[in-house]
Amino acid sequence: MYDIGLPSHKSLFQLQAERIRRLSELAGGVSIPWYIMTSEATHAATVAYFAQHAHFGLPPQDVRFFKQGEMPCVSLKGCVLLATPTTVRPRASSRWRHARPGMANAGQWKHSLGEAP
């Protein structure tokens, strides 16, 4: 998505996908799920980027996207900030444990992490 200045011009997503692919090969071809947290603002573009690049050679079912939760943005004085006169400005919550219950694949997530359902 973004050129971070590497001589190869590979994105961070591509570099990580290459590592996951190699690890899968070393482990005898096992499936390694990759959960990618996006925001409301970046979700569609991120999913499209992976589709345009054929998921960087990973099986599409192993690349799982989910949106992080959002909370209202609050000023230092405790006032809720607005994006428009009628819309609260969202602030992404990076607390993945809070994003996880809303995932469509929450059962798969728990299973892949070894958690009890």
Protein backbone atom coordinates (compact mmCIF):
# COMPACT_ATOMS: atom_id res chain seq x y z
CA MET A 1 0.00 0.00 0.00
CA TYR A 2 2.72 2.41 0.93
CA ASP A 3 6.24 2.55 -0.41
CA ILE A 4 8.36 2.71 2.73
CA GLY A 5 11.56 3.33 0.79
CA LEU A 6 12.96 -0.19 0.49
CA PRO A 7 15.06 -0.92 -2.62
CA SER A 8 12.53 -3.65 -3.50
CA HIS A 9 9.59 -1.21 -3.10
CA LYS A 10 7.69 -4.00 -1.31
CA SER A 11 4.95 -3.04 1.12
CA LEU A 12 4.98 -4.16 4.73
CA PHE A 13 2.00 -6.39 3.89
CA GLN A 14 3.98 -8.09 1.12
CA LEU A 15 6.99 -8.64 3.37
CA GLN A 16 4.83 -10.18 6.09
CA ALA A 17 2.97 -12.37 3.57
CA GLU A 18 6.30 -13.67 2.24
CA ARG A 19 7.36 -14.57 5.77
CA ILE A 20 4.08 -16.36 6.47
CA ARG A 21 4.34 -18.27 3.17
CA ARG A 22 7.89 -19.34 3.96
CA LEU A 23 6.95 -20.43 7.49
CA SER A 24 4.07 -22.47 6.08
CA GLU A 25 6.47 -24.17 3.64
CA LEU A 26 8.95 -24.95 6.42
CA ALA A 27 6.12 -26.41 8.52
CA GLY A 28 5.04 -28.79 5.76
CA GLY A 29 2.39 -26.63 4.12
CA VAL A 30 0.19 -26.06 7.15
CA SER A 31 -2.41 -23.31 7.04
CA ILE A 32 -1.36 -20.20 8.98
CA PRO A 33 -4.22 -17.72 9.46
CA TRP A 34 -3.30 -14.04 9.29
CA TYR A 35 -5.67 -11.63 11.03
CA ILE A 36 -5.40 -8.07 9.78
CA MET A 37 -7.05 -5.33 11.81
CA THR A 38 -8.30 -2.37 9.81
CA SER A 39 -10.33 0.70 10.63
CA GLU A 40 -13.61 1.89 9.16
CA ALA A 41 -11.58 4.33 7.05
CA THR A 42 -9.05 1.77 5.72
CA HIS A 43 -11.00 -1.50 5.55
CA ALA A 44 -12.25 -1.39 1.94
CA ALA A 45 -8.92 -0.15 0.54
CA THR A 46 -6.95 -2.80 2.45
CA VAL A 47 -9.21 -5.66 1.32
CA ALA A 48 -9.02 -4.37 -2.28
CA TYR A 49 -5.22 -4.09 -2.09
CA PHE A 50 -4.91 -7.72 -1.06
CA ALA A 51 -7.32 -8.81 -3.81
CA GLN A 52 -5.35 -6.82 -6.43
CA HIS A 53 -2.17 -8.61 -5.33
CA ALA A 54 -3.75 -12.09 -5.13
CA HIS A 55 -3.24 -12.08 -1.36
CA PHE A 56 0.52 -12.13 -2.05
CA GLY A 57 0.36 -15.85 -2.76
CA LEU A 58 -1.41 -16.80 0.46
CA PRO A 59 -4.68 -18.74 0.37
CA PRO A 60 -7.45 -16.09 0.53
CA GLN A 61 -9.23 -18.02 3.29
CA ASP A 62 -6.12 -17.64 5.48
CA VAL A 63 -6.09 -13.83 5.21
CA ARG A 64 -8.82 -12.54 7.53
CA PHE A 65 -9.73 -8.90 7.89
CA PHE A 66 -11.63 -7.31 10.75
CA LYS A 67 -12.40 -3.75 11.74
CA GLN A 68 -11.14 -2.36 15.01
CA GLY A 69 -13.64 -0.76 17.30
CA GLU A 70 -14.11 2.96 17.46
CA MET A 71 -14.76 5.23 20.38
CA PRO A 72 -15.69 8.93 20.43
CA CYS A 73 -12.76 11.31 20.27
CA VAL A 74 -12.60 13.42 23.43
CA SER A 75 -10.70 16.66 23.99
CA LEU A 76 -8.35 17.20 26.92
CA LYS A 77 -11.21 19.06 28.61
CA GLY A 78 -13.50 16.02 28.31
CA CYS A 79 -15.66 17.37 25.47
CA VAL A 80 -16.80 14.99 22.73
CA LEU A 81 -15.35 16.15 19.40
CA LEU A 82 -17.55 16.23 16.32
CA ALA A 83 -16.58 15.40 12.72
CA THR A 84 -19.67 17.28 11.47
CA PRO A 85 -22.37 19.14 13.39
CA THR A 86 -24.29 15.86 13.77
CA THR A 87 -21.54 13.20 13.73
CA VAL A 88 -19.17 12.23 16.52
CA ARG A 89 -15.55 12.08 15.42
CA PRO A 90 -14.38 8.48 15.83
CA ARG A 91 -11.12 7.48 17.42
CA ALA A 92 -9.90 4.00 16.62
CA SER A 93 -9.42 1.70 19.55
CA SER A 94 -6.26 -0.37 19.21
CA ARG A 95 -7.40 -2.77 21.92
CA TRP A 96 -7.74 -5.94 19.81
CA ARG A 97 -9.48 -7.83 22.59
CA HIS A 98 -12.35 -5.32 22.32
CA ALA A 99 -12.48 -5.60 18.51
CA ARG A 100 -12.47 -9.37 18.53
CA PRO A 101 -16.04 -10.13 19.75
CA GLY A 102 -17.51 -8.25 16.79
CA MET A 103 -15.60 -10.28 14.23
CA ALA A 104 -17.53 -12.50 11.86
CA ASN A 105 -14.94 -15.23 12.48
CA ALA A 106 -14.80 -14.93 16.28
CA GLY A 107 -15.13 -18.71 16.68
CA GLN A 108 -12.23 -19.29 14.29
CA TRP A 109 -10.19 -16.67 16.15
CA LYS A 110 -10.71 -18.41 19.48
CA HIS A 111 -9.94 -21.78 17.95
CA SER A 112 -6.72 -20.55 16.29
CA LEU A 113 -5.54 -19.02 19.57
CA GLY A 114 -6.37 -22.15 21.54
CA GLU A 115 -9.01 -20.41 23.64
CA ALA A 116 -12.07 -22.20 24.91
CA PRO A 117 -15.18 -21.31 22.87
